[in-house]
PDB file of N, CA and C in Angstrom:
ATOM      1  N   MET A   1     149.952 276.192  63.174  1.00  0.00           N
ATOM      2  CA  MET A   1     148.904 276.131  62.183  1.00  0.00           C
ATOM      3  C   MET A   1     148.975 277.389  61.329  1.00  0.00           C
ATOM      4  N   ASP A   2     148.777 277.226  60.057  1.00  0.00           N
ATOM      5  CA  ASP A   2     148.830 278.299  59.078  1.00  0.00           C
ATOM      6  C   ASP A   2     147.540 279.118  59.136  1.00  0.00           C
ATOM      7  N   ILE A   3     147.623 280.417  58.991  1.00  0.00           N
ATOM      8  CA  ILE A   3     146.450 281.294  59.042  1.00  0.00           C
ATOM      9  C   ILE A   3     145.514 281.041  57.869  1.00  0.00           C
ATOM     10  N   ASP A   4     146.069 280.642  56.694  1.00  0.00           N
ATOM     11  CA  ASP A   4     145.212 280.339  55.544  1.00  0.00           C
ATOM     12  C   ASP A   4     144.365 279.095  55.807  1.00  0.00           C
ATOM     13  N   ASN A   5     144.935 278.088  56.481  1.00  0.00           N
ATOM     14  CA  ASN A   5     144.176 276.888  56.816  1.00  0.00           C
ATOM     15  C   ASN A   5     143.099 277.193  57.849  1.00  0.00           C
ATOM     16  N   LEU A   6     143.376 278.114  58.744  1.00  0.00           N
ATOM     17  CA  LEU A   6     142.403 278.476  59.755  1.00  0.00           C
ATOM     18  C   LEU A   6     141.236 279.260  59.147  1.00  0.00           C
ATOM     19  N   MET A   7     141.527 280.173  58.235  1.00  0.00           N
ATOM     20  CA  MET A   7     140.490 280.996  57.611  1.00  0.00           C
ATOM     21  C   MET A   7     139.698 280.213  56.559  1.00  0.00           C
ATOM     22  N   ASN A   8     140.372 279.359  55.813  1.00  0.00           N
ATOM     23  CA  ASN A   8     139.722 278.595  54.751  1.00  0.00           C
ATOM     24  C   ASN A   8     139.732 277.121  55.123  1.00  0.00           C
ATOM     25  N   TYR A   9     138.860 276.767  56.037  1.00  0.00           N
ATOM     26  CA  TYR A   9     138.795 275.388  56.504  1.00  0.00           C
ATOM     27  C   TYR A   9     138.343 274.514  55.342  1.00  0.00           C
ATOM     28  N   SER A  10     139.056 273.454  55.062  1.00  0.00           N
ATOM     29  CA  SER A  10     138.820 272.663  53.851  1.00  0.00           C
ATOM     30  C   SER A  10     137.460 271.960  53.868  1.00  0.00           C
ATOM     31  N   GLY A  11     136.997 271.478  54.988  1.00  0.00           N
ATOM     32  CA  GLY A  11     135.706 270.793  55.057  1.00  0.00           C
ATOM     33  C   GLY A  11     134.525 271.728  54.905  1.00  0.00           C
ATOM     34  N   GLU A  12     134.739 273.019  55.129  1.00  0.00           N
ATOM     35  CA  GLU A  12     133.666 273.991  55.053  1.00  0.00           C
ATOM     36  C   GLU A  12     133.203 274.203  53.623  1.00  0.00           C
ATOM     37  N   ASN A  13     134.108 274.214  52.678  1.00  0.00           N
ATOM     38  CA  ASN A  13     133.757 274.456  51.286  1.00  0.00           C
ATOM     39  C   ASN A  13     133.020 273.280  50.663  1.00  0.00           C
ATOM     40  N   GLU A  14     133.239 272.071  51.151  1.00  0.00           N
ATOM     41  CA  GLU A  14     132.587 270.903  50.582  1.00  0.00           C
ATOM     42  C   GLU A  14     131.101 270.861  50.932  1.00  0.00           C
ATOM     43  N   ALA A  15     130.702 271.480  52.024  1.00  0.00           N
ATOM     44  CA  ALA A  15     129.301 271.452  52.436  1.00  0.00           C
ATOM     45  C   ALA A  15     128.424 272.224  51.464  1.00  0.00           C
ATOM     46  N   CYS A  16     128.942 273.221  50.827  1.00  0.00           N
ATOM     47  CA  CYS A  16     128.164 274.043  49.910  1.00  0.00           C
ATOM     48  C   CYS A  16     128.559 273.794  48.453  1.00  0.00           C
ATOM     49  N   SER A  17     129.058 272.646  48.167  1.00  0.00           N
ATOM     50  CA  SER A  17     129.499 272.389  46.795  1.00  0.00           C
ATOM     51  C   SER A  17     128.332 272.173  45.847  1.00  0.00           C
ATOM     52  N   GLU A  18     127.139 271.772  46.370  1.00  0.00           N
ATOM     53  CA  GLU A  18     125.980 271.545  45.519  1.00  0.00           C
ATOM     54  C   GLU A  18     124.936 272.612  45.831  1.00  0.00           C
ATOM     55  N   VAL A  19     124.597 273.419  44.844  1.00  0.00           N
ATOM     56  CA  VAL A  19     123.614 274.480  45.014  1.00  0.00           C
ATOM     57  C   VAL A  19     122.387 274.106  44.193  1.00  0.00           C
ATOM     58  N   GLN A  20     121.220 274.150  44.835  1.00  0.00           N
ATOM     59  CA  GLN A  20     119.997 273.815  44.121  1.00  0.00           C
ATOM     60  C   GLN A  20     119.568 274.972  43.227  1.00  0.00           C
ATOM     61  N   SER A  21     118.941 274.622  42.126  1.00  0.00           N
ATOM     62  CA  SER A  21     118.409 275.659  41.245  1.00  0.00           C
ATOM     63  C   SER A  21     117.107 276.181  41.834  1.00  0.00           C
ATOM     64  N   LEU A  22     116.654 277.296  41.344  1.00  0.00           N
ATOM     65  CA  LEU A  22     115.410 277.910  41.820  1.00  0.00           C
ATOM     66  C   LEU A  22     114.233 276.976  41.568  1.00  0.00           C
ATOM     67  N   GLU A  23     114.242 276.276  40.434  1.00  0.00           N
ATOM     68  CA  GLU A  23     113.161 275.349  40.118  1.00  0.00           C
ATOM     69  C   GLU A  23     113.109 274.192  41.125  1.00  0.00           C
ATOM     70  N   ASP A  24     114.283 273.699  41.544  1.00  0.00           N
ATOM     71  CA  ASP A  24     114.330 272.618  42.529  1.00  0.00           C
ATOM     72  C   ASP A  24     113.785 273.081  43.879  1.00  0.00           C
ATOM     73  N   ILE A  25     114.140 274.287  44.267  1.00  0.00           N
ATOM     74  CA  ILE A  25     113.672 274.827  45.551  1.00  0.00           C
ATOM     75  C   ILE A  25     112.154 274.991  45.524  1.00  0.00           C
ATOM     76  N   VAL A  26     111.619 275.577  44.443  1.00  0.00           N
ATOM     77  CA  VAL A  26     110.174 275.775  44.328  1.00  0.00           C
ATOM     78  C   VAL A  26     109.460 274.429  44.278  1.00  0.00           C
ATOM     79  N   GLY A  27     110.017 273.457  43.558  1.00  0.00           N
ATOM     80  CA  GLY A  27     109.417 272.127  43.487  1.00  0.00           C
ATOM     81  C   GLY A  27     109.352 271.456  44.841  1.00  0.00           C
ATOM     82  N   THR A  28     110.399 271.598  45.631  1.00  0.00           N
ATOM     83  CA  THR A  28     110.417 271.019  46.973  1.00  0.00           C
ATOM     84  C   THR A  28     109.370 271.662  47.864  1.00  0.00           C
ATOM     85  N   ILE A  29     109.236 272.972  47.783  1.00  0.00           N
ATOM     86  CA  ILE A  29     108.241 273.679  48.597  1.00  0.00           C
ATOM     87  C   ILE A  29     106.830 273.269  48.194  1.00  0.00           C
ATOM     88  N   ILE A  30     106.570 273.178  46.890  1.00  0.00           N
ATOM     89  CA  ILE A  30     105.240 272.789  46.416  1.00  0.00           C
ATOM     90  C   ILE A  30     104.921 271.362  46.857  1.00  0.00           C
ATOM     91  N   LYS A  31     105.907 270.469  46.782  1.00  0.00           N
ATOM     92  CA  LYS A  31     105.692 269.079  47.193  1.00  0.00           C
ATOM     93  C   LYS A  31     105.382 269.009  48.685  1.00  0.00           C
ATOM     94  N   ASN A  32     106.097 269.765  49.505  1.00  0.00           N
ATOM     95  CA  ASN A  32     105.855 269.757  50.952  1.00  0.00           C
ATOM     96  C   ASN A  32     104.489 270.338  51.281  1.00  0.00           C
ATOM     97  N   ASN A  33     104.088 271.408  50.569  1.00  0.00           N
ATOM     98  CA  ASN A  33     102.774 272.001  50.815  1.00  0.00           C
ATOM     99  C   ASN A  33     101.664 271.058  50.393  1.00  0.00           C
ATOM    100  N   ALA A  34     101.855 270.321  49.300  1.00  0.00           N
ATOM    101  CA  ALA A  34     100.840 269.371  48.849  1.00  0.00           C
ATOM    102  C   ALA A  34     100.672 268.262  49.877  1.00  0.00           C
ATOM    103  N   GLU A  35     101.747 267.805  50.480  1.00  0.00           N
ATOM    104  CA  GLU A  35     101.656 266.776  51.511  1.00  0.00           C
ATOM    105  C   GLU A  35     100.937 267.308  52.740  1.00  0.00           C
ATOM    106  N   ASP A  36     101.186 268.558  53.112  1.00  0.00           N
ATOM    107  CA  ASP A  36     100.516 269.159  54.269  1.00  0.00           C
ATOM    108  C   ASP A  36      99.020 269.321  54.007  1.00  0.00           C
ATOM    109  N   ASP A  37      98.655 269.744  52.775  1.00  0.00           N
ATOM    110  CA  ASP A  37      97.245 269.909  52.446  1.00  0.00           C
ATOM    111  C   ASP A  37      96.512 268.580  52.504  1.00  0.00           C
ATOM    112  N   HIS A  38      97.171 267.519  52.058  1.00  0.00           N
ATOM    113  CA  HIS A  38      96.540 266.203  52.069  1.00  0.00           C
ATOM    114  C   HIS A  38      96.272 265.753  53.501  1.00  0.00           C
ATOM    115  N   LYS A  39      97.156 266.067  54.424  1.00  0.00           N
ATOM    116  CA  LYS A  39      96.967 265.692  55.812  1.00  0.00           C
ATOM    117  C   LYS A  39      95.796 266.447  56.428  1.00  0.00           C
ATOM    118  N   ASP A  40      95.600 267.720  56.053  1.00  0.00           N
ATOM    119  CA  ASP A  40      94.517 268.520  56.610  1.00  0.00           C
ATOM    120  C   ASP A  40      93.157 268.035  56.139  1.00  0.00           C
ATOM    121  N   ASP A  41      93.083 267.398  54.964  1.00  0.00           N
ATOM    122  CA  ASP A  41      91.808 266.943  54.430  1.00  0.00           C
ATOM    123  C   ASP A  41      91.257 265.740  55.188  1.00  0.00           C
ATOM    124  N   MET A  42      92.053 265.122  56.003  1.00  0.00           N
ATOM    125  CA  MET A  42      91.625 263.927  56.716  1.00  0.00           C
ATOM    126  C   MET A  42      90.742 264.242  57.919  1.00  0.00           C
ATOM    127  N   VAL A  43      90.619 265.505  58.312  1.00  0.00           N
ATOM    128  CA  VAL A  43      89.827 265.875  59.481  1.00  0.00           C
ATOM    129  C   VAL A  43      88.350 265.846  59.097  1.00  0.00           C
ATOM    130  N   SER A  44      87.563 265.086  59.834  1.00  0.00           N
ATOM    131  CA  SER A  44      86.132 265.023  59.547  1.00  0.00           C
ATOM    132  C   SER A  44      85.384 265.896  60.552  1.00  0.00           C
ATOM    133  N   LEU A  45      84.355 266.550  60.067  1.00  0.00           N
ATOM    134  CA  LEU A  45      83.547 267.412  60.922  1.00  0.00           C
ATOM    135  C   LEU A  45      82.359 266.632  61.449  1.00  0.00           C
ATOM    136  N   GLU A  46      82.064 266.841  62.702  1.00  0.00           N
ATOM    137  CA  GLU A  46      80.900 266.201  63.293  1.00  0.00           C
ATOM    138  C   GLU A  46      79.666 267.012  62.940  1.00  0.00           C
ATOM    139  N   PRO A  47      78.560 266.355  62.646  1.00  0.00           N
ATOM    140  CA  PRO A  47      77.336 267.106  62.335  1.00  0.00           C
ATOM    141  C   PRO A  47      76.845 267.857  63.568  1.00  0.00           C
ATOM    142  N   VAL A  48      76.342 269.049  63.344  1.00  0.00           N
ATOM    143  CA  VAL A  48      75.846 269.894  64.426  1.00  0.00           C
ATOM    144  C   VAL A  48      74.326 269.908  64.346  1.00  0.00           C
ATOM    145  N   THR A  49      73.674 269.712  65.463  1.00  0.00           N
ATOM    146  CA  THR A  49      72.216 269.700  65.483  1.00  0.00           C
ATOM    147  C   THR A  49      71.675 271.125  65.511  1.00  0.00           C
ATOM    148  N   ARG A  50      70.397 271.235  65.185  1.00  0.00           N
ATOM    149  CA  ARG A  50      69.754 272.557  65.208  1.00  0.00           C
ATOM    150  C   ARG A  50      69.728 273.124  66.621  1.00  0.00           C
ATOM    151  N   LYS A  51      69.517 272.246  67.590  1.00  0.00           N
ATOM    152  CA  LYS A  51      69.451 272.690  68.987  1.00  0.00           C
ATOM    153  C   LYS A  51      70.799 273.252  69.438  1.00  0.00           C
ATOM    154  N   GLU A  52      71.903 272.573  69.073  1.00  0.00           N
ATOM    155  CA  GLU A  52      73.240 273.069  69.424  1.00  0.00           C
ATOM    156  C   GLU A  52      73.521 274.403  68.748  1.00  0.00           C
ATOM    157  N   THR A  53      73.059 274.532  67.506  1.00  0.00           N
ATOM    158  CA  THR A  53      73.254 275.782  66.785  1.00  0.00           C
ATOM    159  C   THR A  53      72.472 276.919  67.435  1.00  0.00           C
ATOM    160  N   LEU A  54      71.262 276.625  67.864  1.00  0.00           N
ATOM    161  CA  LEU A  54      70.447 277.637  68.538  1.00  0.00           C
ATOM    162  C   LEU A  54      71.085 278.065  69.852  1.00  0.00           C
ATOM    163  N   MET A  55      71.616 277.119  70.609  1.00  0.00           N
ATOM    164  CA  MET A  55      72.292 277.454  71.868  1.00  0.00           C
ATOM    165  C   MET A  55      73.544 278.300  71.597  1.00  0.00           C
ATOM    166  N   ALA A  56      74.272 277.981  70.537  1.00  0.00           N
ATOM    167  CA  ALA A  56      75.464 278.766  70.194  1.00  0.00           C
ATOM    168  C   ALA A  56      75.091 280.174  69.776  1.00  0.00           C
ATOM    169  N   SER A  57      73.987 280.313  69.034  1.00  0.00           N
ATOM    170  CA  SER A  57      73.570 281.660  68.629  1.00  0.00           C
ATOM    171  C   SER A  57      73.107 282.474  69.836  1.00  0.00           C
ATOM    172  N   ASN A  58      72.485 281.834  70.816  1.00  0.00           N
ATOM    173  CA  ASN A  58      72.109 282.543  72.047  1.00  0.00           C
ATOM    174  C   ASN A  58      73.341 283.010  72.805  1.00  0.00           C
ATOM    175  N   THR A  59      74.346 282.154  72.877  1.00  0.00           N
ATOM    176  CA  THR A  59      75.596 282.522  73.543  1.00  0.00           C
ATOM    177  C   THR A  59      76.269 283.686  72.830  1.00  0.00           C
ATOM    178  N   LEU A  60      76.288 283.628  71.500  1.00  0.00           N
ATOM    179  CA  LEU A  60      76.879 284.721  70.713  1.00  0.00           C
ATOM    180  C   LEU A  60      76.114 286.024  70.936  1.00  0.00           C
ATOM    181  N   HIS A  61      74.794 285.957  70.958  1.00  0.00           N
ATOM    182  CA  HIS A  61      73.983 287.155  71.181  1.00  0.00           C
ATOM    183  C   HIS A  61      74.265 287.751  72.562  1.00  0.00           C
ATOM    184  N   ASN A  62      74.329 286.889  73.588  1.00  0.00           N
ATOM    185  CA  ASN A  62      74.616 287.386  74.943  1.00  0.00           C
ATOM    186  C   ASN A  62      76.006 288.010  75.029  1.00  0.00           C
ATOM    187  N   PHE A  63      76.970 287.411  74.338  1.00  0.00           N
ATOM    188  CA  PHE A  63      78.318 287.982  74.330  1.00  0.00           C
ATOM    189  C   PHE A  63      78.332 289.343  73.633  1.00  0.00           C
ATOM    190  N   MET A  64      77.655 289.425  72.497  1.00  0.00           N
ATOM    191  CA  MET A  64      77.688 290.675  71.727  1.00  0.00           C
ATOM    192  C   MET A  64      76.958 291.799  72.456  1.00  0.00           C
ATOM    193  N   ILE A  65      75.978 291.480  73.273  1.00  0.00           N
ATOM    194  CA  ILE A  65      75.301 292.509  74.077  1.00  0.00           C
ATOM    195  C   ILE A  65      76.291 293.119  75.072  1.00  0.00           C
ATOM    196  N   GLN A  66      77.173 292.291  75.641  1.00  0.00           N
ATOM    197  CA  GLN A  66      78.141 292.768  76.629  1.00  0.00           C
ATOM    198  C   GLN A  66      79.331 293.480  75.992  1.00  0.00           C
ATOM    199  N   TYR A  67      79.587 293.235  74.719  1.00  0.00           N
ATOM    200  CA  TYR A  67      80.727 293.828  74.034  1.00  0.00           C
ATOM    201  C   TYR A  67      80.410 295.275  73.712  1.00  0.00           C
ATOM    202  N   LYS A  68      81.300 296.197  74.052  1.00  0.00           N
ATOM    203  CA  LYS A  68      80.971 297.625  73.982  1.00  0.00           C
ATOM    204  C   LYS A  68      80.913 298.187  72.563  1.00  0.00           C
ATOM    205  N   ASN A  69      81.567 297.558  71.593  1.00  0.00           N
ATOM    206  CA  ASN A  69      81.584 298.091  70.227  1.00  0.00           C
ATOM    207  C   ASN A  69      80.537 297.449  69.321  1.00  0.00           C
ATOM    208  N   THR A  70      79.550 296.789  69.891  1.00  0.00           N
ATOM    209  CA  THR A  70      78.526 296.119  69.099  1.00  0.00           C
ATOM    210  C   THR A  70      77.544 297.134  68.542  1.00  0.00           C
ATOM    211  N   THR A  71      77.221 296.988  67.260  1.00  0.00           N
ATOM    212  CA  THR A  71      76.250 297.875  66.624  1.00  0.00           C
ATOM    213  C   THR A  71      74.868 297.237  66.695  1.00  0.00           C
ATOM    214  N   PRO A  72      73.831 298.046  66.657  1.00  0.00           N
ATOM    215  CA  PRO A  72      72.466 297.496  66.660  1.00  0.00           C
ATOM    216  C   PRO A  72      72.190 296.616  65.436  1.00  0.00           C
ATOM    217  N   GLU A  73      72.806 296.949  64.318  1.00  0.00           N
ATOM    218  CA  GLU A  73      72.606 296.155  63.097  1.00  0.00           C
ATOM    219  C   GLU A  73      73.113 294.725  63.296  1.00  0.00           C
ATOM    220  N   LEU A  74      74.244 294.577  63.983  1.00  0.00           N
ATOM    221  CA  LEU A  74      74.795 293.256  64.235  1.00  0.00           C
ATOM    222  C   LEU A  74      73.886 292.456  65.157  1.00  0.00           C
ATOM    223  N   LEU A  75      73.380 293.105  66.194  1.00  0.00           N
ATOM    224  CA  LEU A  75      72.461 292.418  67.102  1.00  0.00           C
ATOM    225  C   LEU A  75      71.183 291.998  66.385  1.00  0.00           C
ATOM    226  N   ASP A  76      70.686 292.853  65.488  1.00  0.00           N
ATOM    227  CA  ASP A  76      69.504 292.500  64.707  1.00  0.00           C
ATOM    228  C   ASP A  76      69.775 291.304  63.800  1.00  0.00           C
ATOM    229  N   ALA A  77      70.955 291.270  63.184  1.00  0.00           N
ATOM    230  CA  ALA A  77      71.305 290.147  62.309  1.00  0.00           C
ATOM    231  C   ALA A  77      71.391 288.848  63.102  1.00  0.00           C
ATOM    232  N   ILE A  78      71.996 288.905  64.274  1.00  0.00           N
ATOM    233  CA  ILE A  78      72.092 287.703  65.118  1.00  0.00           C
ATOM    234  C   ILE A  78      70.700 287.266  65.559  1.00  0.00           C
ATOM    235  N   ARG A  79      69.845 288.232  65.901  1.00  0.00           N
ATOM    236  CA  ARG A  79      68.480 287.918  66.315  1.00  0.00           C
ATOM    237  C   ARG A  79      67.690 287.255  65.181  1.00  0.00           C
ATOM    238  N   LYS A  80      67.888 287.753  63.951  1.00  0.00           N
ATOM    239  CA  LYS A  80      67.192 287.159  62.802  1.00  0.00           C
ATOM    240  C   LYS A  80      67.634 285.723  62.565  1.00  0.00           C
ATOM    241  N   VAL A  81      68.926 285.476  62.670  1.00  0.00           N
ATOM    242  CA  VAL A  81      69.437 284.110  62.500  1.00  0.00           C
ATOM    243  C   VAL A  81      68.883 283.216  63.599  1.00  0.00           C
ATOM    244  N   ARG A  82      68.877 283.713  64.823  1.00  0.00           N
ATOM    245  CA  ARG A  82      68.359 282.928  65.944  1.00  0.00           C
ATOM    246  C   ARG A  82      66.871 282.629  65.764  1.00  0.00           C
ATOM    247  N   ASP A  83      66.114 283.622  65.286  1.00  0.00           N
ATOM    248  CA  ASP A  83      64.682 283.399  65.051  1.00  0.00           C
ATOM    249  C   ASP A  83      64.456 282.355  63.956  1.00  0.00           C
ATOM    250  N   GLU A  84      65.239 282.419  62.893  1.00  0.00           N
ATOM    251  CA  GLU A  84      65.112 281.426  61.811  1.00  0.00           C
ATOM    252  C   GLU A  84      65.454 280.031  62.320  1.00  0.00           C
ATOM    253  N   LEU A  85      66.468 279.934  63.148  1.00  0.00           N
ATOM    254  CA  LEU A  85      66.819 278.631  63.724  1.00  0.00           C
ATOM    255  C   LEU A  85      65.699 278.106  64.611  1.00  0.00           C
ATOM    256  N   GLN A  86      65.093 278.987  65.388  1.00  0.00           N
ATOM    257  CA  GLN A  86      64.000 278.572  66.274  1.00  0.00           C
ATOM    258  C   GLN A  86      62.802 278.122  65.448  1.00  0.00           C
ATOM    259  N   ILE A  87      62.463 278.856  64.387  1.00  0.00           N
ATOM    260  CA  ILE A  87      61.346 278.466  63.524  1.00  0.00           C
ATOM    261  C   ILE A  87      61.636 277.120  62.878  1.00  0.00           C
ATOM    262  N   ASP A  88      62.861 276.947  62.391  1.00  0.00           N
ATOM    263  CA  ASP A  88      63.245 275.688  61.762  1.00  0.00           C
ATOM    264  C   ASP A  88      63.183 274.544  62.766  1.00  0.00           C
ATOM    265  N   LEU A  89      63.583 274.793  63.993  1.00  0.00           N
ATOM    266  CA  LEU A  89      63.550 273.763  65.030  1.00  0.00           C
ATOM    267  C   LEU A  89      62.107 273.394  65.376  1.00  0.00           C
ATOM    268  N   ASN A  90      61.208 274.380  65.406  1.00  0.00           N
ATOM    269  CA  ASN A  90      59.810 274.128  65.736  1.00  0.00           C
ATOM    270  C   ASN A  90      59.097 273.329  64.652  1.00  0.00           C
ATOM    271  N   PHE A  91      59.450 273.581  63.389  1.00  0.00           N
ATOM    272  CA  PHE A  91      58.730 272.961  62.285  1.00  0.00           C
ATOM    273  C   PHE A  91      59.505 271.848  61.598  1.00  0.00           C
ATOM    274  N   LYS A  92      60.561 271.356  62.188  1.00  0.00           N
ATOM    275  CA  LYS A  92      61.382 270.371  61.489  1.00  0.00           C
ATOM    276  C   LYS A  92      60.662 269.043  61.282  1.00  0.00           C
ATOM    277  N   GLU A  93      59.708 268.702  62.135  1.00  0.00           N
ATOM    278  CA  GLU A  93      59.014 267.437  62.002  1.00  0.00           C
ATOM    279  C   GLU A  93      57.666 267.584  61.324  1.00  0.00           C
ATOM    280  N   LYS A  94      57.204 268.785  61.095  1.00  0.00           N
ATOM    281  CA  LYS A  94      55.908 269.000  60.465  1.00  0.00           C
ATOM    282  C   LYS A  94      56.100 269.251  58.977  1.00  0.00           C
ATOM    283  N   GLN A  95      55.201 268.659  58.190  1.00  0.00           N
ATOM    284  CA  GLN A  95      55.245 268.881  56.765  1.00  0.00           C
ATOM    285  C   GLN A  95      54.450 270.131  56.446  1.00  0.00           C
ATOM    286  N   THR A  96      55.009 271.001  55.650  1.00  0.00           N
ATOM    287  CA  THR A  96      54.327 272.234  55.295  1.00  0.00           C
ATOM    288  C   THR A  96      54.040 272.237  53.793  1.00  0.00           C
ATOM    289  N   THR A  97      53.074 273.026  53.408  1.00  0.00           N
ATOM    290  CA  THR A  97      52.736 273.172  51.985  1.00  0.00           C
ATOM    291  C   THR A  97      53.240 274.510  51.501  1.00  0.00           C
ATOM    292  N   ILE A  98      53.157 274.715  50.216  1.00  0.00           N
ATOM    293  CA  ILE A  98      53.640 275.978  49.640  1.00  0.00           C
ATOM    294  C   ILE A  98      52.784 277.134  50.144  1.00  0.00           C
ATOM    295  N   LYS A  99      51.486 276.934  50.297  1.00  0.00           N
ATOM    296  CA  LYS A  99      50.607 278.007  50.744  1.00  0.00           C
ATOM    297  C   LYS A  99      50.853 278.395  52.195  1.00  0.00           C
ATOM    298  N   SER A 100      51.262 277.443  53.028  1.00  0.00           N
ATOM    299  CA  SER A 100      51.463 277.771  54.436  1.00  0.00           C
ATOM    300  C   SER A 100      52.867 278.323  54.624  1.00  0.00           C
TER     301      SER A 100
END
């Protein structure tokens, strides 16, 4: 076997005979990303009740109390959200007026 045939294998050069332009490469990537985005939009979210949200905020508050880098401001913010959820849960069935 000739050394030139070994170094320059004839079938190897044919594989790269077609080179895509930069526009073709970008177009292919954009098309693939658009297809992926469309698939992600099909996920539907289940509605979350006020009670589940209140339980989650309690869990978050308990976790943040145990976490050593928690600031008092963060705990106060979580407490305020939890209090608003509790008030909303208590009054969700009662009609209120502007004065009350």
